[in-house]
Amino acid sequence: MNGPTSYARIRVADGSVLTADYSPDGTLNAAGRVYRAEEIQYLPPASPTKLVCVGLNYRAHADEMAESLPDEPLLFFKPPSALAAFGEPIVRPVGVTSRLDYEGELVVVMARRTTRVSEASALEYVEGLTIGNDVTARQFQVPGSQWTRAKGYDTFAPVGPAIVRTTDWSGRGVETRLNGGLVQSSTTDRMIFGVPTLISWISSIMTLEPGDLIFTGTPSGVGPMNDGDVVEVTVEGIGCLRNTVIASEVLFDKQPVGAPS
């Protein structure tokens, strides 16, 4: 799909999109026409320098993974190249022959540079909330603790469809559906470490930049996705992130025009 790129507002009532621009004070102002949902292609809603992820942040998930509860937030990274947008395929890489898991999560988007911030003021640095899927090639994570390899492939960080400008993170339902069937269901109140704690802890270790994303952890019920599966992650009041799993050969089995044979 070709055409201009723009920030936009999503109309919740019908899913239509109103193109918009940023004003000098950082707010979004209407600037263009209204598009139907099927006329547009989503991009990731942020341009992070890093994706900081939190492991084992729900007690029930730690139990299902047979892991002890962490004494402090367990952090790992996904590279920005792992980002995928709403509607973009999750690509199963060559060599990933066993479990490719979904992990639905609430994601925090940072608004400004954040260093050594207190829990009391942490939410003042947040732009808003969105939804993520911490896609994991489990075969690499479990045997040798290769977290970066297991979670860092291209398209392994679907995020979106939009940023909701709120800092009200608590009490939100988190659900994941696989081909329409409910596979994860919890609430953000069941996090071991809440969002202010996570922001304060992470910013004590590294500076968070505008647009950086914090994946806050997944509830129990993680499981495998197969080629052709549709996975939908919903966070109450934030929206629904939908992606389809495909094999890498689907994208790369043909030579591009003009390529040598």
C-alpha atoms as a PDB file:
ATOM      1  CA  MET A   1       0.000   0.000   0.000  1.00  0.00           C
ATOM      2  CA  ASN A   2       1.556   3.278  -1.119  1.00  0.00           C
ATOM      3  CA  GLY A   3       0.696   6.829  -0.157  1.00  0.00           C
ATOM      4  CA  PRO A   4       1.491   9.603   2.313  1.00  0.00           C
ATOM      5  CA  THR A   5       2.497   8.916   5.914  1.00  0.00           C
ATOM      6  CA  SER A   6       0.791  10.819   8.715  1.00  0.00           C
ATOM      7  CA  TYR A   7      -0.059  10.768  12.390  1.00  0.00           C
ATOM      8  CA  ALA A   8      -3.741  10.155  12.897  1.00  0.00           C
ATOM      9  CA  ARG A   9      -6.593   9.869  15.348  1.00  0.00           C
ATOM     10  CA  ILE A  10      -8.609   6.655  15.397  1.00  0.00           C
ATOM     11  CA  ARG A  11     -12.336   7.086  15.888  1.00  0.00           C
ATOM     12  CA  VAL A  12     -13.354   4.401  18.360  1.00  0.00           C
ATOM     13  CA  ALA A  13     -16.985   4.291  17.246  1.00  0.00           C
ATOM     14  CA  ASP A  14     -16.355   3.063  13.703  1.00  0.00           C
ATOM     15  CA  GLY A  15     -12.593   2.536  13.405  1.00  0.00           C
ATOM     16  CA  SER A  16     -12.204   5.308  10.841  1.00  0.00           C
ATOM     17  CA  VAL A  17      -8.996   7.336  10.847  1.00  0.00           C
ATOM     18  CA  LEU A  18      -8.608  11.122  10.802  1.00  0.00           C
ATOM     19  CA  THR A  19      -5.178  12.255   9.613  1.00  0.00           C
ATOM     20  CA  ALA A  20      -3.536  14.724  11.964  1.00  0.00           C
ATOM     21  CA  ASP A  21      -0.369  16.691  12.642  1.00  0.00           C
ATOM     22  CA  TYR A  22       1.531  17.556  15.801  1.00  0.00           C
ATOM     23  CA  SER A  23       1.284  21.128  17.051  1.00  0.00           C
ATOM     24  CA  PRO A  24       4.258  22.853  18.737  1.00  0.00           C
ATOM     25  CA  ASP A  25       2.928  21.932  22.207  1.00  0.00           C
ATOM     26  CA  GLY A  26       2.916  18.241  21.306  1.00  0.00           C
ATOM     27  CA  THR A  27      -0.830  17.792  20.837  1.00  0.00           C
ATOM     28  CA  LEU A  28      -2.469  16.229  17.790  1.00  0.00           C
ATOM     29  CA  ASN A  29      -4.602  18.518  15.658  1.00  0.00           C
ATOM     30  CA  ALA A  30      -6.892  17.526  12.815  1.00  0.00           C
ATOM     31  CA  ALA A  31      -5.177  18.207   9.533  1.00  0.00           C
ATOM     32  CA  GLY A  32      -6.698  16.113   6.798  1.00  0.00           C
ATOM     33  CA  ARG A  33      -9.364  13.762   5.548  1.00  0.00           C
ATOM     34  CA  VAL A  34     -11.102  10.802   7.091  1.00  0.00           C
ATOM     35  CA  TYR A  35     -10.147   7.328   5.848  1.00  0.00           C
ATOM     36  CA  ARG A  36     -12.000   4.064   6.310  1.00  0.00           C
ATOM     37  CA  ALA A  37     -10.050   1.457   8.276  1.00  0.00           C
ATOM     38  CA  GLU A  38      -9.592  -0.716   5.182  1.00  0.00           C
ATOM     39  CA  GLU A  39      -8.011   2.195   3.266  1.00  0.00           C
ATOM     40  CA  ILE A  40      -4.982   2.563   5.510  1.00  0.00           C
ATOM     41  CA  GLN A  41      -1.918   0.613   6.547  1.00  0.00           C
ATOM     42  CA  TYR A  42      -0.809   1.023  10.134  1.00  0.00           C
ATOM     43  CA  LEU A  43       2.762   1.762  11.174  1.00  0.00           C
ATOM     44  CA  PRO A  44       4.126   1.176  14.688  1.00  0.00           C
ATOM     45  CA  PRO A  45       2.799   4.047  16.829  1.00  0.00           C
ATOM     46  CA  ALA A  46       6.229   4.972  18.250  1.00  0.00           C
ATOM     47  CA  SER A  47       9.867   5.165  17.119  1.00  0.00           C
ATOM     48  CA  PRO A  48      11.787   3.856  20.126  1.00  0.00           C
ATOM     49  CA  THR A  49      15.527   3.760  20.645  1.00  0.00           C
ATOM     50  CA  LYS A  50      14.927   0.567  22.638  1.00  0.00           C
ATOM     51  CA  LEU A  51      12.218  -1.830  23.742  1.00  0.00           C
ATOM     52  CA  VAL A  52      12.702  -2.707  27.405  1.00  0.00           C
ATOM     53  CA  CYS A  53      10.786  -5.838  28.383  1.00  0.00           C
ATOM     54  CA  VAL A  54       9.907  -7.283  31.777  1.00  0.00           C
ATOM     55  CA  GLY A  55       9.897 -11.024  32.343  1.00  0.00           C
ATOM     56  CA  LEU A  56       7.874 -13.017  34.868  1.00  0.00           C
ATOM     57  CA  ASN A  57       5.845 -10.027  36.047  1.00  0.00           C
ATOM     58  CA  TYR A  58       2.673 -12.034  36.746  1.00  0.00           C
ATOM     59  CA  ARG A  59       2.745 -14.690  39.472  1.00  0.00           C
ATOM     60  CA  ALA A  60       0.641 -17.167  37.460  1.00  0.00           C
ATOM     61  CA  HIS A  61       2.958 -16.851  34.451  1.00  0.00           C
ATOM     62  CA  ALA A  62       6.021 -17.502  36.617  1.00  0.00           C
ATOM     63  CA  ASP A  63       4.233 -20.599  37.935  1.00  0.00           C
ATOM     64  CA  GLU A  64       3.434 -21.928  34.453  1.00  0.00           C
ATOM     65  CA  MET A  65       7.055 -21.431  33.388  1.00  0.00           C
ATOM     66  CA  ALA A  66       8.241 -23.202  36.567  1.00  0.00           C
ATOM     67  CA  GLU A  67      10.268 -20.143  37.541  1.00  0.00           C
ATOM     68  CA  SER A  68      10.671 -18.583  40.982  1.00  0.00           C
ATOM     69  CA  LEU A  69       9.310 -15.085  41.506  1.00  0.00           C
ATOM     70  CA  PRO A  70      11.908 -12.362  40.864  1.00  0.00           C
ATOM     71  CA  ASP A  71      13.060 -10.163  43.746  1.00  0.00           C
ATOM     72  CA  GLU A  72      13.438  -7.245  41.347  1.00  0.00           C
ATOM     73  CA  PRO A  73      12.179  -6.593  37.803  1.00  0.00           C
ATOM     74  CA  LEU A  74      13.698  -9.054  35.342  1.00  0.00           C
ATOM     75  CA  LEU A  75      14.694  -7.042  32.257  1.00  0.00           C
ATOM     76  CA  PHE A  76      15.575  -7.951  28.689  1.00  0.00           C
ATOM     77  CA  PHE A  77      15.609  -6.128  25.353  1.00  0.00           C
ATOM     78  CA  LYS A  78      14.034  -6.385  21.957  1.00  0.00           C
ATOM     79  CA  PRO A  79      15.699  -4.365  19.181  1.00  0.00           C
ATOM     80  CA  PRO A  80      13.703  -1.679  17.352  1.00  0.00           C
ATOM     81  CA  SER A  81      14.058  -3.844  14.219  1.00  0.00           C
ATOM     82  CA  ALA A  82      11.686  -6.336  15.873  1.00  0.00           C
ATOM     83  CA  LEU A  83       8.792  -3.850  15.678  1.00  0.00           C
ATOM     84  CA  ALA A  84       5.695  -4.782  13.671  1.00  0.00           C
ATOM     85  CA  ALA A  85       2.510  -2.791  13.253  1.00  0.00           C
ATOM     86  CA  PHE A  86      -1.139  -3.693  13.616  1.00  0.00           C
ATOM     87  CA  GLY A  87      -2.030  -5.956  10.681  1.00  0.00           C
ATOM     88  CA  GLU A  88       1.580  -6.665   9.745  1.00  0.00           C
ATOM     89  CA  PRO A  89       2.459 -10.376   9.647  1.00  0.00           C
ATOM     90  CA  ILE A  90       4.469 -12.096  12.349  1.00  0.00           C
ATOM     91  CA  VAL A  91       7.111 -13.944  10.327  1.00  0.00           C
ATOM     92  CA  ARG A  92       8.271 -17.355  11.528  1.00  0.00           C
ATOM     93  CA  PRO A  93      12.019 -17.302  10.797  1.00  0.00           C
ATOM     94  CA  VAL A  94      13.837 -20.060   8.995  1.00  0.00           C
ATOM     95  CA  GLY A  95      15.055 -22.514  11.629  1.00  0.00           C
ATOM     96  CA  VAL A  96      12.230 -21.895  14.097  1.00  0.00           C
ATOM     97  CA  THR A  97      10.719 -25.341  13.881  1.00  0.00           C
ATOM     98  CA  SER A  98       9.042 -25.738  17.261  1.00  0.00           C
ATOM     99  CA  ARG A  99       7.111 -23.401  19.536  1.00  0.00           C
ATOM    100  CA  LEU A 100       6.527 -19.833  18.415  1.00  0.00           C
ATOM    101  CA  ASP A 101       4.597 -18.319  21.329  1.00  0.00           C
ATOM    102  CA  TYR A 102       2.286 -15.330  21.780  1.00  0.00           C
ATOM    103  CA  GLU A 103       2.606 -13.186  24.924  1.00  0.00           C
ATOM    104  CA  GLY A 104       0.037 -10.393  25.160  1.00  0.00           C
ATOM    105  CA  GLU A 105       1.046  -7.331  27.188  1.00  0.00           C
ATOM    106  CA  LEU A 106       0.305  -3.764  28.186  1.00  0.00           C
ATOM    107  CA  VAL A 107       3.010  -1.463  26.782  1.00  0.00           C
ATOM    108  CA  VAL A 108       4.063   1.923  28.197  1.00  0.00           C
ATOM    109  CA  VAL A 109       5.267   4.671  25.830  1.00  0.00           C
ATOM    110  CA  MET A 110       7.704   7.211  27.261  1.00  0.00           C
ATOM    111  CA  ALA A 111       7.175  10.921  26.556  1.00  0.00           C
ATOM    112  CA  ARG A 112      10.524  12.443  27.467  1.00  0.00           C
ATOM    113  CA  ARG A 113      14.032  11.677  28.634  1.00  0.00           C
ATOM    114  CA  THR A 114      13.838   9.878  31.948  1.00  0.00           C
ATOM    115  CA  THR A 115      16.760   9.247  34.283  1.00  0.00           C
ATOM    116  CA  ARG A 116      16.623   8.080  37.919  1.00  0.00           C
ATOM    117  CA  VAL A 117      13.018   9.136  38.373  1.00  0.00           C
ATOM    118  CA  SER A 118      11.140   8.339  41.591  1.00  0.00           C
ATOM    119  CA  GLU A 119       8.088   6.087  41.647  1.00  0.00           C
ATOM    120  CA  ALA A 120       6.034   9.048  42.844  1.00  0.00           C
ATOM    121  CA  SER A 121       6.755  11.086  39.713  1.00  0.00           C
ATOM    122  CA  ALA A 122       7.309   8.266  37.190  1.00  0.00           C
ATOM    123  CA  LEU A 123       3.940   8.603  35.445  1.00  0.00           C
ATOM    124  CA  GLU A 124       4.691  12.246  34.628  1.00  0.00           C
ATOM    125  CA  TYR A 125       7.160  10.933  32.017  1.00  0.00           C
ATOM    126  CA  VAL A 126       4.640   8.710  30.219  1.00  0.00           C
ATOM    127  CA  GLU A 127       3.099   9.655  26.875  1.00  0.00           C
ATOM    128  CA  GLY A 128       0.482   6.927  26.945  1.00  0.00           C
ATOM    129  CA  LEU A 129      -0.329   3.239  26.729  1.00  0.00           C
ATOM    130  CA  THR A 130      -0.521   0.787  23.865  1.00  0.00           C
ATOM    131  CA  ILE A 131      -0.550  -2.990  23.317  1.00  0.00           C
ATOM    132  CA  GLY A 132       2.247  -5.426  22.523  1.00  0.00           C
ATOM    133  CA  ASN A 133       2.845  -9.066  21.720  1.00  0.00           C
ATOM    134  CA  ASP A 134       6.166 -10.385  23.038  1.00  0.00           C
ATOM    135  CA  VAL A 135       6.570 -13.063  20.357  1.00  0.00           C
ATOM    136  CA  THR A 136       9.004 -15.752  21.519  1.00  0.00           C
ATOM    137  CA  ALA A 137      10.778 -18.625  19.762  1.00  0.00           C
ATOM    138  CA  ARG A 138      10.649 -20.803  22.857  1.00  0.00           C
ATOM    139  CA  GLN A 139      13.093 -23.374  21.511  1.00  0.00           C
ATOM    140  CA  PHE A 140      15.951 -20.884  21.936  1.00  0.00           C
ATOM    141  CA  GLN A 141      14.906 -19.400  25.270  1.00  0.00           C
ATOM    142  CA  VAL A 142      14.457 -22.481  27.414  1.00  0.00           C
ATOM    143  CA  PRO A 143      17.468 -24.749  26.688  1.00  0.00           C
ATOM    144  CA  GLY A 144      20.237 -22.135  26.791  1.00  0.00           C
ATOM    145  CA  SER A 145      18.546 -18.989  28.140  1.00  0.00           C
ATOM    146  CA  GLN A 146      19.024 -17.288  24.768  1.00  0.00           C
ATOM    147  CA  TRP A 147      16.446 -14.577  25.514  1.00  0.00           C
ATOM    148  CA  THR A 148      17.736 -12.100  22.937  1.00  0.00           C
ATOM    149  CA  ARG A 149      17.698 -14.661  20.141  1.00  0.00           C
ATOM    150  CA  ALA A 150      14.335 -16.055  21.214  1.00  0.00           C
ATOM    151  CA  LYS A 151      12.656 -12.653  21.293  1.00  0.00           C
ATOM    152  CA  GLY A 152      14.654 -10.421  18.951  1.00  0.00           C
ATOM    153  CA  TYR A 153      13.796 -11.580  15.428  1.00  0.00           C
ATOM    154  CA  ASP A 154      12.217  -9.155  12.968  1.00  0.00           C
ATOM    155  CA  THR A 155       8.421  -8.813  13.546  1.00  0.00           C
ATOM    156  CA  PHE A 156       8.688 -10.333  17.057  1.00  0.00           C
ATOM    157  CA  ALA A 157       7.413  -7.105  18.675  1.00  0.00           C
ATOM    158  CA  PRO A 158       3.991  -6.238  17.252  1.00  0.00           C
ATOM    159  CA  VAL A 159       2.764  -2.982  18.828  1.00  0.00           C
ATOM    160  CA  GLY A 160      -0.357  -0.888  18.354  1.00  0.00           C
ATOM    161  CA  PRO A 161      -2.708  -0.072  16.867  1.00  0.00           C
ATOM    162  CA  ALA A 162      -2.409   3.328  18.579  1.00  0.00           C
ATOM    163  CA  ILE A 163      -1.223   5.164  21.675  1.00  0.00           C
ATOM    164  CA  VAL A 164      -3.974   6.098  24.121  1.00  0.00           C
ATOM    165  CA  ARG A 165      -2.880   9.205  25.990  1.00  0.00           C
ATOM    166  CA  THR A 166      -3.445   8.107  29.548  1.00  0.00           C
ATOM    167  CA  THR A 167      -1.304   7.027  32.486  1.00  0.00           C
ATOM    168  CA  ASP A 168      -4.119   5.038  34.122  1.00  0.00           C
ATOM    169  CA  TRP A 169      -2.504   1.604  33.861  1.00  0.00           C
ATOM    170  CA  SER A 170      -4.078  -0.265  36.768  1.00  0.00           C
ATOM    171  CA  GLY A 171      -7.120  -2.520  36.682  1.00  0.00           C
ATOM    172  CA  ARG A 172      -7.110  -3.030  32.917  1.00  0.00           C
ATOM    173  CA  GLY A 173      -8.097  -6.412  31.549  1.00  0.00           C
ATOM    174  CA  VAL A 174      -5.510  -8.116  29.327  1.00  0.00           C
ATOM    175  CA  GLU A 175      -6.754 -10.825  26.967  1.00  0.00           C
ATOM    176  CA  THR A 176      -5.272 -12.767  24.076  1.00  0.00           C
ATOM    177  CA  ARG A 177      -7.303 -14.695  21.517  1.00  0.00           C
ATOM    178  CA  LEU A 178      -5.909 -17.213  19.061  1.00  0.00           C
ATOM    179  CA  ASN A 179      -8.172 -17.733  16.036  1.00  0.00           C
ATOM    180  CA  GLY A 180     -11.006 -16.308  18.131  1.00  0.00           C
ATOM    181  CA  GLY A 181     -10.482 -18.559  21.139  1.00  0.00           C
ATOM    182  CA  LEU A 182      -9.576 -16.996  24.490  1.00  0.00           C
ATOM    183  CA  VAL A 183      -6.120 -18.156  25.632  1.00  0.00           C
ATOM    184  CA  GLN A 184      -4.999 -15.430  28.083  1.00  0.00           C
ATOM    185  CA  SER A 185      -7.117 -13.439  30.508  1.00  0.00           C
ATOM    186  CA  SER A 186      -5.919 -11.387  33.467  1.00  0.00           C
ATOM    187  CA  THR A 187      -5.743  -7.852  34.786  1.00  0.00           C
ATOM    188  CA  THR A 188      -2.857  -5.440  35.220  1.00  0.00           C
ATOM    189  CA  ASP A 189      -3.596  -5.349  38.965  1.00  0.00           C
ATOM    190  CA  ARG A 190      -1.974  -8.801  39.082  1.00  0.00           C
ATOM    191  CA  MET A 191       1.433  -7.489  38.051  1.00  0.00           C
ATOM    192  CA  ILE A 192       4.171  -8.154  40.588  1.00  0.00           C
ATOM    193  CA  PHE A 193       5.795  -4.792  39.809  1.00  0.00           C
ATOM    194  CA  GLY A 194       3.480  -1.960  38.782  1.00  0.00           C
ATOM    195  CA  VAL A 195       4.211   0.603  36.097  1.00  0.00           C
ATOM    196  CA  PRO A 196       5.643   3.342  38.396  1.00  0.00           C
ATOM    197  CA  THR A 197       7.993   0.790  39.950  1.00  0.00           C
ATOM    198  CA  LEU A 198       9.110  -0.422  36.521  1.00  0.00           C
ATOM    199  CA  ILE A 199       9.813   3.087  35.206  1.00  0.00           C
ATOM    200  CA  SER A 200      11.739   4.047  38.341  1.00  0.00           C
ATOM    201  CA  TRP A 201      13.752   0.808  38.335  1.00  0.00           C
ATOM    202  CA  ILE A 202      14.587   0.893  34.621  1.00  0.00           C
ATOM    203  CA  SER A 203      15.512   4.593  34.669  1.00  0.00           C
ATOM    204  CA  SER A 204      17.899   3.914  37.566  1.00  0.00           C
ATOM    205  CA  ILE A 205      19.839   1.635  35.198  1.00  0.00           C
ATOM    206  CA  MET A 206      19.502   3.357  31.826  1.00  0.00           C
ATOM    207  CA  THR A 207      18.128   6.599  30.438  1.00  0.00           C
ATOM    208  CA  LEU A 208      14.770   6.202  28.758  1.00  0.00           C
ATOM    209  CA  GLU A 209      14.272   8.327  25.654  1.00  0.00           C
ATOM    210  CA  PRO A 210      11.066   9.743  24.114  1.00  0.00           C
ATOM    211  CA  GLY A 211       9.217   6.967  22.300  1.00  0.00           C
ATOM    212  CA  ASP A 212      10.935   4.149  24.188  1.00  0.00           C
ATOM    213  CA  LEU A 213       8.630   1.241  24.974  1.00  0.00           C
ATOM    214  CA  ILE A 214       8.283  -0.781  28.162  1.00  0.00           C
ATOM    215  CA  PHE A 215       6.653  -4.197  27.718  1.00  0.00           C
ATOM    216  CA  THR A 216       5.237  -4.778  31.208  1.00  0.00           C
ATOM    217  CA  GLY A 217       5.028  -8.582  31.198  1.00  0.00           C
ATOM    218  CA  THR A 218       2.521 -11.218  30.154  1.00  0.00           C
ATOM    219  CA  PRO A 219      -0.063 -13.111  32.213  1.00  0.00           C
ATOM    220  CA  SER A 220      -0.413 -16.894  32.234  1.00  0.00           C
ATOM    221  CA  GLY A 221      -1.717 -18.846  29.269  1.00  0.00           C
ATOM    222  CA  VAL A 222       1.167 -18.371  26.829  1.00  0.00           C
ATOM    223  CA  GLY A 223       1.192 -20.915  24.047  1.00  0.00           C
ATOM    224  CA  PRO A 224       2.188 -21.725  20.475  1.00  0.00           C
ATOM    225  CA  MET A 225       1.088 -20.094  17.236  1.00  0.00           C
ATOM    226  CA  ASN A 226       1.089 -21.900  13.884  1.00  0.00           C
ATOM    227  CA  ASP A 227       1.399 -20.521  10.377  1.00  0.00           C
ATOM    228  CA  GLY A 228      -1.900 -18.952   9.363  1.00  0.00           C
ATOM    229  CA  ASP A 229      -3.034 -18.298  12.930  1.00  0.00           C
ATOM    230  CA  VAL A 230      -4.544 -14.924  13.818  1.00  0.00           C
ATOM    231  CA  VAL A 231      -3.567 -13.597  17.243  1.00  0.00           C
ATOM    232  CA  GLU A 232      -5.436 -10.718  18.888  1.00  0.00           C
ATOM    233  CA  VAL A 233      -4.276  -8.988  22.072  1.00  0.00           C
ATOM    234  CA  THR A 234      -6.798  -6.727  23.793  1.00  0.00           C
ATOM    235  CA  VAL A 235      -6.147  -4.356  26.675  1.00  0.00           C
ATOM    236  CA  GLU A 236      -9.270  -2.891  28.223  1.00  0.00           C
ATOM    237  CA  GLY A 237      -9.764   0.716  27.162  1.00  0.00           C
ATOM    238  CA  ILE A 238      -6.712   0.666  24.863  1.00  0.00           C
ATOM    239  CA  GLY A 239      -7.824  -1.400  21.855  1.00  0.00           C
ATOM    240  CA  CYS A 240      -7.020  -4.613  20.023  1.00  0.00           C
ATOM    241  CA  LEU A 241      -3.743  -5.575  18.321  1.00  0.00           C
ATOM    242  CA  ARG A 242      -4.228  -8.118  15.519  1.00  0.00           C
ATOM    243  CA  ASN A 243      -1.543  -9.970  13.523  1.00  0.00           C
ATOM    244  CA  THR A 244      -1.314 -13.130  11.422  1.00  0.00           C
ATOM    245  CA  VAL A 245       1.547 -15.642  11.547  1.00  0.00           C
ATOM    246  CA  ILE A 246       3.222 -16.586   8.269  1.00  0.00           C
ATOM    247  CA  ALA A 247       6.283 -18.599   7.317  1.00  0.00           C
ATOM    248  CA  SER A 248       9.320 -16.667   6.105  1.00  0.00           C
ATOM    249  CA  GLU A 249       9.122 -18.514   2.766  1.00  0.00           C
ATOM    250  CA  VAL A 250       5.811 -16.785   2.077  1.00  0.00           C
ATOM    251  CA  LEU A 251       7.636 -13.466   1.900  1.00  0.00           C
ATOM    252  CA  PHE A 252      10.954 -14.492   0.421  1.00  0.00           C
ATOM    253  CA  ASP A 253      10.346 -17.379  -1.979  1.00  0.00           C
ATOM    254  CA  LYS A 254      10.388 -15.108  -5.045  1.00  0.00           C
ATOM    255  CA  GLN A 255      13.213 -13.066  -6.524  1.00  0.00           C
ATOM    256  CA  PRO A 256      12.544  -9.318  -6.575  1.00  0.00           C
ATOM    257  CA  VAL A 257      12.196  -7.702  -9.965  1.00  0.00           C
ATOM    258  CA  GLY A 258      15.609  -7.189 -11.545  1.00  0.00           C
ATOM    259  CA  ALA A 259      17.423  -9.515  -9.150  1.00  0.00           C
ATOM    260  CA  PRO A 260      19.971 -11.916 -10.580  1.00  0.00           C
ATOM    261  CA  SER A 261      18.738 -15.446 -11.030  1.00  0.00           C
END
